[in-house]
């Protein structure tokens, strides 16, 4: 730990502290987003097959319960479709689209901040380089050509630039990874939404289940 501190924090100069802060912030956000997006992925085909099987058996309440017990946005989108099924194709489609629009901002949260860190870190490194370069010129002039202090400040300038670029590269890779995961989930949203919409509006067994649900509701009234 002392070696790390002496090598990068002290020798890199004061700009290393904001660089250290943004690197830790970006790392924490990346881990949080990666875990969140991982929880949002389920066995989509198996889940949807289970829902269709329950609907075909006219067990609508169990299908809704399965959606509630399954974590992630996919289940909430399917639940929204089931809550509106028996209505027109347009109404079911609208319910699916509305549920997806609610889920997408939650998936994209903080990813923009990681992209901002990827842009800011190299600029901070450049700022540290400029500060150290100016100090090196003044030190060289004050010491009448003594290269010791000049070399130290020049090393400080290079360390800040290298650190800023390294953080920027890692943040850029993290952003592309998370963005790819989000696009994959959105693609799954589209596939699940289309699949459940077509099933609820065209399947004969689904239509029979709708009639059974309406009959049970009328009897209860």
C-alpha atoms as a PDB file:
ATOM      1  CA  UNK A   1       0.000   0.000   0.000  1.00  0.00           C
ATOM      2  CA  UNK A   2       2.826   2.410   0.831  1.00  0.00           C
ATOM      3  CA  UNK A   3       4.506   1.584  -2.467  1.00  0.00           C
ATOM      4  CA  UNK A   4       1.294   2.345  -4.349  1.00  0.00           C
ATOM      5  CA  UNK A   5       0.853   5.609  -2.467  1.00  0.00           C
ATOM      6  CA  UNK A   6       4.436   6.766  -2.953  1.00  0.00           C
ATOM      7  CA  UNK A   7       4.536   5.780  -6.601  1.00  0.00           C
ATOM      8  CA  UNK A   8       1.228   7.041  -7.916  1.00  0.00           C
ATOM      9  CA  UNK A   9      -0.426   9.375  -5.423  1.00  0.00           C
ATOM     10  CA  UNK A  10       2.559  11.398  -4.226  1.00  0.00           C
ATOM     11  CA  UNK A  11       4.625  11.322  -7.395  1.00  0.00           C
ATOM     12  CA  UNK A  12       1.605  12.036  -9.549  1.00  0.00           C
ATOM     13  CA  UNK A  13       0.805  15.288  -7.783  1.00  0.00           C
ATOM     14  CA  UNK A  14      -2.448  16.780  -6.446  1.00  0.00           C
ATOM     15  CA  UNK A  15      -4.486  15.991  -9.585  1.00  0.00           C
ATOM     16  CA  UNK A  16      -4.119  12.309  -8.726  1.00  0.00           C
ATOM     17  CA  UNK A  17      -6.692  12.714  -5.941  1.00  0.00           C
ATOM     18  CA  UNK A  18      -9.620  13.669  -8.213  1.00  0.00           C
ATOM     19  CA  UNK A  19      -8.444  10.962 -10.625  1.00  0.00           C
ATOM     20  CA  UNK A  20      -8.528   8.454  -7.791  1.00  0.00           C
ATOM     21  CA  UNK A  21     -12.002   9.644  -6.823  1.00  0.00           C
ATOM     22  CA  UNK A  22     -13.477   9.307 -10.321  1.00  0.00           C
ATOM     23  CA  UNK A  23     -11.860   5.897 -10.762  1.00  0.00           C
ATOM     24  CA  UNK A  24     -13.417   4.582  -7.539  1.00  0.00           C
ATOM     25  CA  UNK A  25     -16.774   6.170  -8.420  1.00  0.00           C
ATOM     26  CA  UNK A  26     -16.742   4.598 -11.862  1.00  0.00           C
ATOM     27  CA  UNK A  27     -15.757   1.195 -10.499  1.00  0.00           C
ATOM     28  CA  UNK A  28     -18.545   1.207  -7.901  1.00  0.00           C
ATOM     29  CA  UNK A  29     -21.123   2.271 -10.497  1.00  0.00           C
ATOM     30  CA  UNK A  30     -19.946  -0.410 -12.924  1.00  0.00           C
ATOM     31  CA  UNK A  31     -20.240  -3.174 -10.314  1.00  0.00           C
ATOM     32  CA  UNK A  32     -23.690  -1.963  -9.224  1.00  0.00           C
ATOM     33  CA  UNK A  33     -24.978  -1.745 -12.805  1.00  0.00           C
ATOM     34  CA  UNK A  34     -23.482  -5.094 -13.812  1.00  0.00           C
ATOM     35  CA  UNK A  35     -25.176  -6.826 -10.869  1.00  0.00           C
ATOM     36  CA  UNK A  36     -28.469  -5.035 -11.535  1.00  0.00           C
ATOM     37  CA  UNK A  37     -28.507  -6.006 -15.198  1.00  0.00           C
ATOM     38  CA  UNK A  38     -27.526  -9.571 -14.341  1.00  0.00           C
ATOM     39  CA  UNK A  39     -30.542  -9.845 -12.042  1.00  0.00           C
ATOM     40  CA  UNK A  40     -32.736  -8.614 -14.878  1.00  0.00           C
ATOM     41  CA  UNK A  41     -31.845 -11.588 -17.073  1.00  0.00           C
ATOM     42  CA  UNK A  42     -33.901 -14.736 -16.679  1.00  0.00           C
ATOM     43  CA  UNK A  43     -34.502 -17.855 -18.720  1.00  0.00           C
ATOM     44  CA  UNK A  44     -36.831 -15.997 -21.066  1.00  0.00           C
ATOM     45  CA  UNK A  45     -37.953 -18.928 -23.190  1.00  0.00           C
ATOM     46  CA  UNK A  46     -38.621 -21.186 -20.196  1.00  0.00           C
ATOM     47  CA  UNK A  47     -40.468 -18.420 -18.359  1.00  0.00           C
ATOM     48  CA  UNK A  48     -42.642 -17.592 -21.350  1.00  0.00           C
ATOM     49  CA  UNK A  49     -43.360 -21.264 -21.989  1.00  0.00           C
ATOM     50  CA  UNK A  50     -44.521 -21.604 -18.379  1.00  0.00           C
ATOM     51  CA  UNK A  51     -46.825 -18.601 -18.731  1.00  0.00           C
ATOM     52  CA  UNK A  52     -48.342 -19.916 -21.960  1.00  0.00           C
ATOM     53  CA  UNK A  53     -48.835 -23.325 -20.433  1.00  0.00           C
ATOM     54  CA  UNK A  54     -50.705 -21.853 -17.451  1.00  0.00           C
ATOM     55  CA  UNK A  55     -52.876 -19.687 -19.693  1.00  0.00           C
ATOM     56  CA  UNK A  56     -53.701 -22.679 -21.899  1.00  0.00           C
ATOM     57  CA  UNK A  57     -54.834 -24.508 -18.757  1.00  0.00           C
ATOM     58  CA  UNK A  58     -57.005 -21.503 -17.815  1.00  0.00           C
ATOM     59  CA  UNK A  59     -54.953 -20.894 -14.667  1.00  0.00           C
ATOM     60  CA  UNK A  60     -54.656 -17.143 -15.050  1.00  0.00           C
ATOM     61  CA  UNK A  61     -54.177 -16.388 -11.380  1.00  0.00           C
ATOM     62  CA  UNK A  62     -51.226 -18.764 -11.226  1.00  0.00           C
ATOM     63  CA  UNK A  63     -49.724 -17.109 -14.304  1.00  0.00           C
ATOM     64  CA  UNK A  64     -49.957 -13.708 -12.629  1.00  0.00           C
ATOM     65  CA  UNK A  65     -48.494 -15.137  -9.438  1.00  0.00           C
ATOM     66  CA  UNK A  66     -45.573 -16.568 -11.410  1.00  0.00           C
ATOM     67  CA  UNK A  67     -44.936 -13.094 -12.861  1.00  0.00           C
ATOM     68  CA  UNK A  68     -44.958 -11.552  -9.400  1.00  0.00           C
ATOM     69  CA  UNK A  69     -42.586 -14.175  -8.025  1.00  0.00           C
ATOM     70  CA  UNK A  70     -40.133 -13.843 -10.919  1.00  0.00           C
ATOM     71  CA  UNK A  71     -37.671 -10.942 -10.520  1.00  0.00           C
ATOM     72  CA  UNK A  72     -36.735  -8.653 -13.354  1.00  0.00           C
ATOM     73  CA  UNK A  73     -38.425  -6.450 -15.951  1.00  0.00           C
ATOM     74  CA  UNK A  74     -39.431  -9.320 -18.261  1.00  0.00           C
ATOM     75  CA  UNK A  75     -41.900 -10.653 -15.735  1.00  0.00           C
ATOM     76  CA  UNK A  76     -43.403  -7.218 -15.167  1.00  0.00           C
ATOM     77  CA  UNK A  77     -43.933  -6.720 -18.903  1.00  0.00           C
ATOM     78  CA  UNK A  78     -45.651 -10.092 -19.232  1.00  0.00           C
ATOM     79  CA  UNK A  79     -47.760  -9.340 -16.160  1.00  0.00           C
ATOM     80  CA  UNK A  80     -48.900  -6.088 -17.734  1.00  0.00           C
ATOM     81  CA  UNK A  81     -49.998  -7.989 -20.832  1.00  0.00           C
ATOM     82  CA  UNK A  82     -51.874 -10.576 -18.768  1.00  0.00           C
ATOM     83  CA  UNK A  83     -53.680  -7.879 -16.788  1.00  0.00           C
ATOM     84  CA  UNK A  84     -55.049  -6.443 -20.037  1.00  0.00           C
ATOM     85  CA  UNK A  85     -55.694  -9.625 -21.880  1.00  0.00           C
ATOM     86  CA  UNK A  86     -59.211 -10.085 -23.103  1.00  0.00           C
ATOM     87  CA  UNK A  87     -59.069  -6.532 -24.429  1.00  0.00           C
ATOM     88  CA  UNK A  88     -58.317  -5.434 -27.993  1.00  0.00           C
ATOM     89  CA  UNK A  89     -54.983  -6.039 -29.729  1.00  0.00           C
ATOM     90  CA  UNK A  90     -54.200  -2.330 -29.565  1.00  0.00           C
ATOM     91  CA  UNK A  91     -54.856  -2.134 -25.834  1.00  0.00           C
ATOM     92  CA  UNK A  92     -52.642  -5.127 -25.101  1.00  0.00           C
ATOM     93  CA  UNK A  93     -49.882  -3.726 -27.315  1.00  0.00           C
ATOM     94  CA  UNK A  94     -50.164  -0.362 -25.586  1.00  0.00           C
ATOM     95  CA  UNK A  95     -49.905  -1.981 -22.146  1.00  0.00           C
ATOM     96  CA  UNK A  96     -46.768  -3.877 -23.197  1.00  0.00           C
ATOM     97  CA  UNK A  97     -45.152  -0.764 -24.651  1.00  0.00           C
ATOM     98  CA  UNK A  98     -45.999   1.304 -21.572  1.00  0.00           C
ATOM     99  CA  UNK A  99     -44.471  -1.307 -19.263  1.00  0.00           C
ATOM    100  CA  UNK A 100     -41.314  -1.464 -21.389  1.00  0.00           C
ATOM    101  CA  UNK A 101     -40.976   2.337 -21.402  1.00  0.00           C
ATOM    102  CA  UNK A 102     -41.059   2.305 -17.615  1.00  0.00           C
ATOM    103  CA  UNK A 103     -38.348  -0.349 -17.390  1.00  0.00           C
ATOM    104  CA  UNK A 104     -35.823   1.051 -19.902  1.00  0.00           C
ATOM    105  CA  UNK A 105     -34.825   4.189 -17.913  1.00  0.00           C
ATOM    106  CA  UNK A 106     -34.106   1.997 -14.880  1.00  0.00           C
ATOM    107  CA  UNK A 107     -31.766  -0.126 -16.996  1.00  0.00           C
ATOM    108  CA  UNK A 108     -29.920   2.908 -18.370  1.00  0.00           C
ATOM    109  CA  UNK A 109     -29.497   4.645 -15.013  1.00  0.00           C
ATOM    110  CA  UNK A 110     -25.874   5.685 -14.203  1.00  0.00           C
ATOM    111  CA  UNK A 111     -24.504   4.374 -17.508  1.00  0.00           C
ATOM    112  CA  UNK A 112     -24.313   7.939 -18.772  1.00  0.00           C
ATOM    113  CA  UNK A 113     -22.252   8.868 -15.710  1.00  0.00           C
ATOM    114  CA  UNK A 114     -19.718   6.168 -16.574  1.00  0.00           C
ATOM    115  CA  UNK A 115     -19.495   7.594 -20.102  1.00  0.00           C
ATOM    116  CA  UNK A 116     -18.898  11.040 -18.588  1.00  0.00           C
ATOM    117  CA  UNK A 117     -16.080   9.629 -16.447  1.00  0.00           C
ATOM    118  CA  UNK A 118     -14.512   8.186 -19.597  1.00  0.00           C
ATOM    119  CA  UNK A 119     -14.413  11.711 -21.036  1.00  0.00           C
ATOM    120  CA  UNK A 120     -13.435  13.553 -17.859  1.00  0.00           C
ATOM    121  CA  UNK A 121     -10.544  11.352 -16.697  1.00  0.00           C
ATOM    122  CA  UNK A 122      -8.218  12.089 -19.670  1.00  0.00           C
ATOM    123  CA  UNK A 123      -8.983  15.795 -19.292  1.00  0.00           C
ATOM    124  CA  UNK A 124      -8.017  15.667 -15.622  1.00  0.00           C
ATOM    125  CA  UNK A 125      -4.834  13.859 -16.594  1.00  0.00           C
ATOM    126  CA  UNK A 126      -4.081  16.562 -19.166  1.00  0.00           C
ATOM    127  CA  UNK A 127      -4.726  19.240 -16.556  1.00  0.00           C
ATOM    128  CA  UNK A 128      -2.239  17.571 -14.226  1.00  0.00           C
ATOM    129  CA  UNK A 129       0.272  17.398 -17.064  1.00  0.00           C
ATOM    130  CA  UNK A 130      -0.062  21.104 -17.825  1.00  0.00           C
ATOM    131  CA  UNK A 131       0.270  22.075 -14.166  1.00  0.00           C
ATOM    132  CA  UNK A 132       3.349  19.897 -13.692  1.00  0.00           C
ATOM    133  CA  UNK A 133       4.871  21.172 -16.947  1.00  0.00           C
ATOM    134  CA  UNK A 134       4.513  24.793 -15.864  1.00  0.00           C
ATOM    135  CA  UNK A 135       6.000  23.964 -12.469  1.00  0.00           C
ATOM    136  CA  UNK A 136       8.866  22.140 -14.195  1.00  0.00           C
ATOM    137  CA  UNK A 137       9.695  25.191 -16.306  1.00  0.00           C
ATOM    138  CA  UNK A 138       9.696  27.481 -13.281  1.00  0.00           C
ATOM    139  CA  UNK A 139      11.802  24.995 -11.295  1.00  0.00           C
ATOM    140  CA  UNK A 140      14.293  24.654 -14.120  1.00  0.00           C
ATOM    141  CA  UNK A 141      14.652  28.428 -14.336  1.00  0.00           C
ATOM    142  CA  UNK A 142      14.972  28.858 -10.564  1.00  0.00           C
ATOM    143  CA  UNK A 143      17.564  26.112 -10.177  1.00  0.00           C
ATOM    144  CA  UNK A 144      19.772  27.421 -12.979  1.00  0.00           C
ATOM    145  CA  UNK A 145      19.673  24.253 -15.024  1.00  0.00           C
ATOM    146  CA  UNK A 146      19.493  21.694 -12.201  1.00  0.00           C
ATOM    147  CA  UNK A 147      17.759  18.765 -13.853  1.00  0.00           C
ATOM    148  CA  UNK A 148      16.740  16.906 -10.661  1.00  0.00           C
ATOM    149  CA  UNK A 149      13.606  18.905  -9.851  1.00  0.00           C
ATOM    150  CA  UNK A 150      12.792  19.218 -13.552  1.00  0.00           C
ATOM    151  CA  UNK A 151      12.900  15.435 -13.956  1.00  0.00           C
ATOM    152  CA  UNK A 152      10.640  14.929 -10.940  1.00  0.00           C
ATOM    153  CA  UNK A 153       8.017  17.338 -12.252  1.00  0.00           C
ATOM    154  CA  UNK A 154       8.251  15.885 -15.735  1.00  0.00           C
ATOM    155  CA  UNK A 155       7.598  12.422 -14.269  1.00  0.00           C
ATOM    156  CA  UNK A 156       4.612  13.871 -12.397  1.00  0.00           C
ATOM    157  CA  UNK A 157       3.246  15.214 -15.665  1.00  0.00           C
ATOM    158  CA  UNK A 158       3.596  11.863 -17.404  1.00  0.00           C
ATOM    159  CA  UNK A 159       2.032   9.949 -14.500  1.00  0.00           C
ATOM    160  CA  UNK A 160      -1.109  12.097 -14.477  1.00  0.00           C
ATOM    161  CA  UNK A 161      -1.564  11.770 -18.240  1.00  0.00           C
ATOM    162  CA  UNK A 162      -1.046   8.008 -18.161  1.00  0.00           C
ATOM    163  CA  UNK A 163      -3.429   7.588 -15.220  1.00  0.00           C
ATOM    164  CA  UNK A 164      -6.126   9.726 -16.841  1.00  0.00           C
ATOM    165  CA  UNK A 165      -5.883   7.811 -20.105  1.00  0.00           C
ATOM    166  CA  UNK A 166      -5.959   4.452 -18.312  1.00  0.00           C
ATOM    167  CA  UNK A 167      -9.092   5.421 -16.365  1.00  0.00           C
ATOM    168  CA  UNK A 168     -10.676   6.758 -19.556  1.00  0.00           C
ATOM    169  CA  UNK A 169      -9.996   3.514 -21.428  1.00  0.00           C
ATOM    170  CA  UNK A 170     -11.421   1.359 -18.631  1.00  0.00           C
ATOM    171  CA  UNK A 171     -14.489   3.569 -18.262  1.00  0.00           C
ATOM    172  CA  UNK A 172     -15.087   3.446 -22.016  1.00  0.00           C
ATOM    173  CA  UNK A 173     -14.902  -0.359 -22.008  1.00  0.00           C
ATOM    174  CA  UNK A 174     -17.247  -0.495 -19.009  1.00  0.00           C
ATOM    175  CA  UNK A 175     -19.724   1.801 -20.756  1.00  0.00           C
ATOM    176  CA  UNK A 176     -19.726  -0.281 -23.948  1.00  0.00           C
ATOM    177  CA  UNK A 177     -20.174  -3.484 -21.936  1.00  0.00           C
ATOM    178  CA  UNK A 178     -23.123  -2.124 -19.951  1.00  0.00           C
ATOM    179  CA  UNK A 179     -24.684  -0.519 -23.003  1.00  0.00           C
ATOM    180  CA  UNK A 180     -24.480  -3.846 -24.797  1.00  0.00           C
ATOM    181  CA  UNK A 181     -26.218  -5.569 -21.902  1.00  0.00           C
ATOM    182  CA  UNK A 182     -28.975  -2.958 -21.933  1.00  0.00           C
ATOM    183  CA  UNK A 183     -29.494  -3.352 -25.680  1.00  0.00           C
ATOM    184  CA  UNK A 184     -29.657  -7.115 -25.216  1.00  0.00           C
ATOM    185  CA  UNK A 185     -32.352  -6.725 -22.565  1.00  0.00           C
ATOM    186  CA  UNK A 186     -34.306  -4.287 -24.724  1.00  0.00           C
ATOM    187  CA  UNK A 187     -34.145  -6.796 -27.576  1.00  0.00           C
ATOM    188  CA  UNK A 188     -35.530  -9.415 -25.194  1.00  0.00           C
ATOM    189  CA  UNK A 189     -38.295  -6.960 -24.230  1.00  0.00           C
ATOM    190  CA  UNK A 190     -39.288  -6.668 -27.871  1.00  0.00           C
ATOM    191  CA  UNK A 191     -39.229 -10.419 -28.418  1.00  0.00           C
ATOM    192  CA  UNK A 192     -41.175 -11.208 -25.236  1.00  0.00           C
ATOM    193  CA  UNK A 193     -43.680  -8.443 -25.882  1.00  0.00           C
ATOM    194  CA  UNK A 194     -44.328  -9.591 -29.436  1.00  0.00           C
ATOM    195  CA  UNK A 195     -44.544 -13.244 -28.401  1.00  0.00           C
ATOM    196  CA  UNK A 196     -46.992 -12.732 -25.530  1.00  0.00           C
ATOM    197  CA  UNK A 197     -49.034 -10.277 -27.607  1.00  0.00           C
ATOM    198  CA  UNK A 198     -49.438 -12.737 -30.472  1.00  0.00           C
ATOM    199  CA  UNK A 199     -50.222 -15.558 -28.063  1.00  0.00           C
ATOM    200  CA  UNK A 200     -52.917 -13.661 -26.192  1.00  0.00           C
ATOM    201  CA  UNK A 201     -54.573 -12.330 -29.335  1.00  0.00           C
ATOM    202  CA  UNK A 202     -54.370 -15.278 -31.737  1.00  0.00           C
ATOM    203  CA  UNK A 203     -54.188 -18.489 -29.677  1.00  0.00           C
ATOM    204  CA  UNK A 204     -57.520 -20.379 -29.602  1.00  0.00           C
ATOM    205  CA  UNK A 205     -56.807 -21.716 -26.134  1.00  0.00           C
ATOM    206  CA  UNK A 206     -56.040 -18.243 -24.908  1.00  0.00           C
ATOM    207  CA  UNK A 207     -59.382 -17.072 -26.242  1.00  0.00           C
ATOM    208  CA  UNK A 208     -61.101 -19.938 -24.424  1.00  0.00           C
ATOM    209  CA  UNK A 209     -59.318 -18.880 -21.246  1.00  0.00           C
ATOM    210  CA  UNK A 210     -60.560 -15.337 -21.756  1.00  0.00           C
ATOM    211  CA  UNK A 211     -64.142 -16.541 -22.057  1.00  0.00           C
ATOM    212  CA  UNK A 212     -63.710 -18.689 -18.952  1.00  0.00           C
ATOM    213  CA  UNK A 213     -62.334 -15.745 -17.012  1.00  0.00           C
ATOM    214  CA  UNK A 214     -65.223 -13.520 -18.096  1.00  0.00           C
ATOM    215  CA  UNK A 215     -67.735 -16.251 -17.175  1.00  0.00           C
ATOM    216  CA  UNK A 216     -66.273 -16.669 -13.698  1.00  0.00           C
ATOM    217  CA  UNK A 217     -66.348 -12.890 -13.214  1.00  0.00           C
ATOM    218  CA  UNK A 218     -69.981 -12.692 -14.284  1.00  0.00           C
ATOM    219  CA  UNK A 219     -70.915 -15.547 -11.948  1.00  0.00           C
ATOM    220  CA  UNK A 220     -69.223 -13.822  -9.050  1.00  0.00           C
ATOM    221  CA  UNK A 221     -71.213 -10.675  -9.726  1.00  0.00           C
END
